[in-house]
Amino acid sequence: MKNYLELIHLQFDLPDSNRMEYSEECWQELTDRYGILPPDEYRNFISLFGVGCFNDFLWIYSPEISPVNKYLSVYGPSEAFLEYFYEYFDDGFDNKIDCLGFESYEMDLFPWGGTDNGDLLYWGKVQDCYGVIVVNMRDRTAQFFNKSIPEFLYLLVNNSIKCELFPEDAFEEHTPTFTLYLDS
């Protein structure tokens, strides 16, 4: 089995100075908030690489409740998504996204990223499979990838998989880049 976290690290030649330490309280707060333990692959990725952006398009969110940029926190855009569904549907969101084509499969969702187009990225379970869920809020569609977060990112930026919800040129015409978000 390939170690996609290591492959990303090698491809982007990221310095060890990117490494971040997050407290167990931070992770527990996320677990309490979303009812799902942040996956180890997200914890490992964010600890190794930090908050940043692939190809100036796909952002990896901070697990902190109040980072310098509130739009780069798992609590920012993802909370807006949940509020939207509570308001839009009479019976509430109720951990189901049947309106997005998953036919009422119950799931837990953990937000971990987003795009400049307003798409949100979640880690979640669809039927018996955990994977990446990309949600397009403009037309309320979604696409599920039965892949780990590092595998999804590595294959996406290297054009080995395509997300139908992203613009065609988001990754095709670019040499893959990762830009660390700096607070200053």
C-alpha atoms as a PDB file:
ATOM      1  CA  MET A   1       0.000   0.000   0.000  1.00  0.00           C
ATOM      2  CA  LYS A   2       1.356   3.398  -1.010  1.00  0.00           C
ATOM      3  CA  ASN A   3       2.087   6.012   1.629  1.00  0.00           C
ATOM      4  CA  TYR A   4       0.438   9.011  -0.014  1.00  0.00           C
ATOM      5  CA  LEU A   5       1.407  11.348   2.810  1.00  0.00           C
ATOM      6  CA  GLU A   6       5.062  10.561   2.101  1.00  0.00           C
ATOM      7  CA  LEU A   7       4.532  10.908  -1.663  1.00  0.00           C
ATOM      8  CA  ILE A   8       3.046  14.395  -1.144  1.00  0.00           C
ATOM      9  CA  HIS A   9       5.931  15.306   1.145  1.00  0.00           C
ATOM     10  CA  LEU A  10       8.473  14.210  -1.468  1.00  0.00           C
ATOM     11  CA  GLN A  11       6.682  15.862  -4.391  1.00  0.00           C
ATOM     12  CA  PHE A  12       6.332  19.256  -2.764  1.00  0.00           C
ATOM     13  CA  ASP A  13       9.649  19.203  -0.866  1.00  0.00           C
ATOM     14  CA  LEU A  14       8.092  20.918   2.121  1.00  0.00           C
ATOM     15  CA  PRO A  15      10.389  22.037   4.927  1.00  0.00           C
ATOM     16  CA  ASP A  16      10.072  20.548   8.385  1.00  0.00           C
ATOM     17  CA  SER A  17       9.408  24.070   9.658  1.00  0.00           C
ATOM     18  CA  ASN A  18       5.824  23.630   8.404  1.00  0.00           C
ATOM     19  CA  ARG A  19       5.151  21.093  11.138  1.00  0.00           C
ATOM     20  CA  MET A  20       2.409  22.136  13.551  1.00  0.00           C
ATOM     21  CA  GLU A  21       1.485  20.770  16.934  1.00  0.00           C
ATOM     22  CA  TYR A  22      -2.159  20.715  17.933  1.00  0.00           C
ATOM     23  CA  SER A  23      -3.324  19.832  21.435  1.00  0.00           C
ATOM     24  CA  GLU A  24      -5.493  16.866  22.270  1.00  0.00           C
ATOM     25  CA  GLU A  25      -8.049  19.414  23.515  1.00  0.00           C
ATOM     26  CA  CYS A  26      -8.211  20.833  19.979  1.00  0.00           C
ATOM     27  CA  TRP A  27      -8.932  17.388  18.524  1.00  0.00           C
ATOM     28  CA  GLN A  28     -11.443  16.562  21.269  1.00  0.00           C
ATOM     29  CA  GLU A  29     -13.298  19.820  20.653  1.00  0.00           C
ATOM     30  CA  LEU A  30     -13.633  18.911  16.971  1.00  0.00           C
ATOM     31  CA  THR A  31     -14.870  15.448  17.893  1.00  0.00           C
ATOM     32  CA  ASP A  32     -17.448  16.898  20.275  1.00  0.00           C
ATOM     33  CA  ARG A  33     -18.585  19.471  17.712  1.00  0.00           C
ATOM     34  CA  TYR A  34     -19.029  17.169  14.718  1.00  0.00           C
ATOM     35  CA  GLY A  35     -19.656  13.826  16.396  1.00  0.00           C
ATOM     36  CA  ILE A  36     -16.830  12.220  14.441  1.00  0.00           C
ATOM     37  CA  LEU A  37     -13.188  11.842  15.377  1.00  0.00           C
ATOM     38  CA  PRO A  38     -11.025  13.768  12.906  1.00  0.00           C
ATOM     39  CA  PRO A  39      -9.348  11.034  10.867  1.00  0.00           C
ATOM     40  CA  ASP A  40      -5.701  10.293  11.590  1.00  0.00           C
ATOM     41  CA  GLU A  41      -4.865  11.047   7.965  1.00  0.00           C
ATOM     42  CA  TYR A  42      -6.129  14.644   8.404  1.00  0.00           C
ATOM     43  CA  ARG A  43      -4.361  14.978  11.745  1.00  0.00           C
ATOM     44  CA  ASN A  44      -1.122  13.691  10.224  1.00  0.00           C
ATOM     45  CA  PHE A  45      -1.451  15.848   7.113  1.00  0.00           C
ATOM     46  CA  ILE A  46      -2.179  19.105   8.951  1.00  0.00           C
ATOM     47  CA  SER A  47       0.548  18.408  11.519  1.00  0.00           C
ATOM     48  CA  LEU A  48       3.109  17.717   8.801  1.00  0.00           C
ATOM     49  CA  PHE A  49       2.227  20.375   6.221  1.00  0.00           C
ATOM     50  CA  GLY A  50       0.171  23.002   8.023  1.00  0.00           C
ATOM     51  CA  VAL A  51      -2.701  25.042   6.639  1.00  0.00           C
ATOM     52  CA  GLY A  52      -2.251  25.773   2.961  1.00  0.00           C
ATOM     53  CA  CYS A  53      -3.460  25.660  -0.594  1.00  0.00           C
ATOM     54  CA  PHE A  54      -2.943  23.305  -3.551  1.00  0.00           C
ATOM     55  CA  ASN A  55      -2.676  25.041  -6.943  1.00  0.00           C
ATOM     56  CA  ASP A  56      -4.104  28.281  -5.530  1.00  0.00           C
ATOM     57  CA  PHE A  57      -7.485  26.533  -5.512  1.00  0.00           C
ATOM     58  CA  LEU A  58      -7.964  23.803  -2.880  1.00  0.00           C
ATOM     59  CA  TRP A  59      -7.478  24.866   0.740  1.00  0.00           C
ATOM     60  CA  ILE A  60      -6.720  22.634   3.724  1.00  0.00           C
ATOM     61  CA  TYR A  61      -8.484  24.022   6.806  1.00  0.00           C
ATOM     62  CA  SER A  62      -7.038  24.585  10.255  1.00  0.00           C
ATOM     63  CA  PRO A  63      -8.389  22.501  13.136  1.00  0.00           C
ATOM     64  CA  GLU A  64      -8.213  25.515  15.436  1.00  0.00           C
ATOM     65  CA  ILE A  65     -11.402  27.221  16.502  1.00  0.00           C
ATOM     66  CA  SER A  66     -10.047  30.732  16.005  1.00  0.00           C
ATOM     67  CA  PRO A  67      -7.131  30.870  13.596  1.00  0.00           C
ATOM     68  CA  VAL A  68      -6.000  34.240  12.270  1.00  0.00           C
ATOM     69  CA  ASN A  69      -8.137  33.708   9.138  1.00  0.00           C
ATOM     70  CA  LYS A  70     -11.601  32.444  10.160  1.00  0.00           C
ATOM     71  CA  TYR A  71     -12.302  31.256   6.605  1.00  0.00           C
ATOM     72  CA  LEU A  72      -9.486  28.731   6.867  1.00  0.00           C
ATOM     73  CA  SER A  73     -10.909  27.017   9.948  1.00  0.00           C
ATOM     74  CA  VAL A  74     -13.007  23.862   9.929  1.00  0.00           C
ATOM     75  CA  TYR A  75     -15.477  25.963  11.942  1.00  0.00           C
ATOM     76  CA  GLY A  76     -15.945  28.677   9.292  1.00  0.00           C
ATOM     77  CA  PRO A  77     -17.393  27.668   5.918  1.00  0.00           C
ATOM     78  CA  SER A  78     -18.486  24.244   7.120  1.00  0.00           C
ATOM     79  CA  GLU A  79     -20.668  25.766   9.830  1.00  0.00           C
ATOM     80  CA  ALA A  80     -22.275  27.962   7.175  1.00  0.00           C
ATOM     81  CA  PHE A  81     -22.974  24.798   5.147  1.00  0.00           C
ATOM     82  CA  LEU A  82     -24.729  23.124   8.064  1.00  0.00           C
ATOM     83  CA  GLU A  83     -26.719  26.263   8.889  1.00  0.00           C
ATOM     84  CA  TYR A  84     -27.811  26.493   5.261  1.00  0.00           C
ATOM     85  CA  PHE A  85     -29.201  22.957   5.352  1.00  0.00           C
ATOM     86  CA  TYR A  86     -30.993  23.507   8.642  1.00  0.00           C
ATOM     87  CA  GLU A  87     -32.721  26.547   7.157  1.00  0.00           C
ATOM     88  CA  TYR A  88     -33.339  25.021   3.728  1.00  0.00           C
ATOM     89  CA  PHE A  89     -34.950  21.770   4.833  1.00  0.00           C
ATOM     90  CA  ASP A  90     -37.898  21.663   7.201  1.00  0.00           C
ATOM     91  CA  ASP A  91     -36.677  18.486   8.915  1.00  0.00           C
ATOM     92  CA  GLY A  92     -33.109  19.753   9.273  1.00  0.00           C
ATOM     93  CA  PHE A  93     -29.843  18.302   8.127  1.00  0.00           C
ATOM     94  CA  ASP A  94     -29.899  15.319  10.484  1.00  0.00           C
ATOM     95  CA  ASN A  95     -26.541  13.959   9.217  1.00  0.00           C
ATOM     96  CA  LYS A  96     -28.065  13.035   5.860  1.00  0.00           C
ATOM     97  CA  ILE A  97     -27.391  14.524   2.487  1.00  0.00           C
ATOM     98  CA  ASP A  98     -30.038  12.777   0.449  1.00  0.00           C
ATOM     99  CA  CYS A  99     -30.606  16.011  -1.476  1.00  0.00           C
ATOM    100  CA  LEU A 100     -27.048  15.617  -2.778  1.00  0.00           C
ATOM    101  CA  GLY A 101     -27.636  12.238  -4.362  1.00  0.00           C
ATOM    102  CA  PHE A 102     -26.593   9.863  -1.599  1.00  0.00           C
ATOM    103  CA  GLU A 103     -30.110   8.485  -1.206  1.00  0.00           C
ATOM    104  CA  SER A 104     -30.461   9.076   2.536  1.00  0.00           C
ATOM    105  CA  TYR A 105     -27.400   7.146   3.581  1.00  0.00           C
ATOM    106  CA  GLU A 106     -26.687   8.256   7.101  1.00  0.00           C
ATOM    107  CA  MET A 107     -23.212   9.602   7.598  1.00  0.00           C
ATOM    108  CA  ASP A 108     -20.986  11.549   9.884  1.00  0.00           C
ATOM    109  CA  LEU A 109     -19.190  14.444   8.244  1.00  0.00           C
ATOM    110  CA  PHE A 110     -15.881  16.036   9.179  1.00  0.00           C
ATOM    111  CA  PRO A 111     -14.978  19.224   7.255  1.00  0.00           C
ATOM    112  CA  TRP A 112     -11.312  19.493   6.264  1.00  0.00           C
ATOM    113  CA  GLY A 113     -11.056  21.732   3.203  1.00  0.00           C
ATOM    114  CA  GLY A 114     -12.642  23.851   0.544  1.00  0.00           C
ATOM    115  CA  THR A 115     -12.016  25.520  -2.792  1.00  0.00           C
ATOM    116  CA  ASP A 116     -11.968  29.052  -4.115  1.00  0.00           C
ATOM    117  CA  ASN A 117     -15.255  28.216  -5.868  1.00  0.00           C
ATOM    118  CA  GLY A 118     -17.018  27.526  -2.570  1.00  0.00           C
ATOM    119  CA  ASP A 119     -16.919  23.718  -2.758  1.00  0.00           C
ATOM    120  CA  LEU A 120     -16.525  22.048   0.636  1.00  0.00           C
ATOM    121  CA  LEU A 121     -14.519  18.887   1.327  1.00  0.00           C
ATOM    122  CA  TYR A 122     -15.552  16.410   3.990  1.00  0.00           C
ATOM    123  CA  TRP A 123     -14.371  13.106   5.359  1.00  0.00           C
ATOM    124  CA  GLY A 124     -17.363  10.891   5.847  1.00  0.00           C
ATOM    125  CA  LYS A 125     -18.987   7.515   5.574  1.00  0.00           C
ATOM    126  CA  VAL A 126     -21.297   6.629   2.706  1.00  0.00           C
ATOM    127  CA  GLN A 127     -22.911   3.246   3.314  1.00  0.00           C
ATOM    128  CA  ASP A 128     -19.974   1.176   4.621  1.00  0.00           C
ATOM    129  CA  CYS A 129     -17.176   3.185   2.986  1.00  0.00           C
ATOM    130  CA  TYR A 130     -15.229   6.090   4.424  1.00  0.00           C
ATOM    131  CA  GLY A 131     -13.827   8.595   1.995  1.00  0.00           C
ATOM    132  CA  VAL A 132     -13.710  12.133   0.654  1.00  0.00           C
ATOM    133  CA  ILE A 133     -16.957  13.931  -0.156  1.00  0.00           C
ATOM    134  CA  VAL A 134     -16.807  17.063  -2.295  1.00  0.00           C
ATOM    135  CA  VAL A 135     -19.929  19.224  -1.984  1.00  0.00           C
ATOM    136  CA  ASN A 136     -20.802  21.916  -4.522  1.00  0.00           C
ATOM    137  CA  MET A 137     -23.089  24.364  -2.738  1.00  0.00           C
ATOM    138  CA  ARG A 138     -24.048  26.306  -5.863  1.00  0.00           C
ATOM    139  CA  ASP A 139     -26.130  23.503  -7.323  1.00  0.00           C
ATOM    140  CA  ARG A 140     -26.240  21.196  -4.263  1.00  0.00           C
ATOM    141  CA  THR A 141     -24.398  18.303  -5.856  1.00  0.00           C
ATOM    142  CA  ALA A 142     -21.695  16.099  -4.414  1.00  0.00           C
ATOM    143  CA  GLN A 143     -19.145  13.530  -5.456  1.00  0.00           C
ATOM    144  CA  PHE A 144     -17.805  10.713  -3.269  1.00  0.00           C
ATOM    145  CA  PHE A 145     -14.267   9.322  -3.541  1.00  0.00           C
ATOM    146  CA  ASN A 146     -13.542   6.062  -1.740  1.00  0.00           C
ATOM    147  CA  LYS A 147     -10.032   7.273  -0.922  1.00  0.00           C
ATOM    148  CA  SER A 148      -8.081   8.586   2.036  1.00  0.00           C
ATOM    149  CA  ILE A 149      -7.498  12.341   2.210  1.00  0.00           C
ATOM    150  CA  PRO A 150      -3.774  12.092   1.262  1.00  0.00           C
ATOM    151  CA  GLU A 151      -4.552   9.629  -1.550  1.00  0.00           C
ATOM    152  CA  PHE A 152      -7.300  11.905  -2.891  1.00  0.00           C
ATOM    153  CA  LEU A 153      -5.020  14.961  -2.801  1.00  0.00           C
ATOM    154  CA  TYR A 154      -2.052  13.208  -4.382  1.00  0.00           C
ATOM    155  CA  LEU A 155      -4.083  11.646  -7.197  1.00  0.00           C
ATOM    156  CA  LEU A 156      -6.026  14.873  -7.794  1.00  0.00           C
ATOM    157  CA  VAL A 157      -3.021  17.194  -8.107  1.00  0.00           C
ATOM    158  CA  ASN A 158      -1.282  14.665 -10.367  1.00  0.00           C
ATOM    159  CA  ASN A 159      -4.324  14.299 -12.641  1.00  0.00           C
ATOM    160  CA  SER A 160      -4.844  10.623 -11.824  1.00  0.00           C
ATOM    161  CA  ILE A 161      -8.430  11.286 -10.731  1.00  0.00           C
ATOM    162  CA  LYS A 162     -10.880  14.019 -11.679  1.00  0.00           C
ATOM    163  CA  CYS A 163     -13.517  15.733  -9.623  1.00  0.00           C
ATOM    164  CA  GLU A 164     -16.469  16.567 -11.850  1.00  0.00           C
ATOM    165  CA  LEU A 165     -17.351  19.502  -9.583  1.00  0.00           C
ATOM    166  CA  PHE A 166     -14.033  21.317 -10.068  1.00  0.00           C
ATOM    167  CA  PRO A 167     -13.148  23.432 -13.102  1.00  0.00           C
ATOM    168  CA  GLU A 168     -11.350  21.377 -15.738  1.00  0.00           C
ATOM    169  CA  ASP A 169      -8.221  23.490 -15.523  1.00  0.00           C
ATOM    170  CA  ALA A 170      -7.938  23.477 -11.717  1.00  0.00           C
ATOM    171  CA  PHE A 171      -5.224  20.831 -11.836  1.00  0.00           C
ATOM    172  CA  GLU A 172      -4.765  19.816 -15.476  1.00  0.00           C
ATOM    173  CA  GLU A 173      -2.695  22.700 -16.784  1.00  0.00           C
ATOM    174  CA  HIS A 174      -0.538  23.356 -13.758  1.00  0.00           C
ATOM    175  CA  THR A 175       2.553  21.977 -12.179  1.00  0.00           C
ATOM    176  CA  PRO A 176       1.224  20.996  -8.745  1.00  0.00           C
ATOM    177  CA  THR A 177       1.968  23.511  -6.002  1.00  0.00           C
ATOM    178  CA  PHE A 178       1.346  23.728  -2.276  1.00  0.00           C
ATOM    179  CA  THR A 179       1.483  27.135  -0.637  1.00  0.00           C
ATOM    180  CA  LEU A 180       1.691  27.306   3.123  1.00  0.00           C
ATOM    181  CA  TYR A 181      -0.667  29.859   4.623  1.00  0.00           C
ATOM    182  CA  LEU A 182       1.310  32.206   6.851  1.00  0.00           C
ATOM    183  CA  ASP A 183      -0.424  34.272   9.515  1.00  0.00           C
ATOM    184  CA  SER A 184       1.481  37.451   8.712  1.00  0.00           C
END
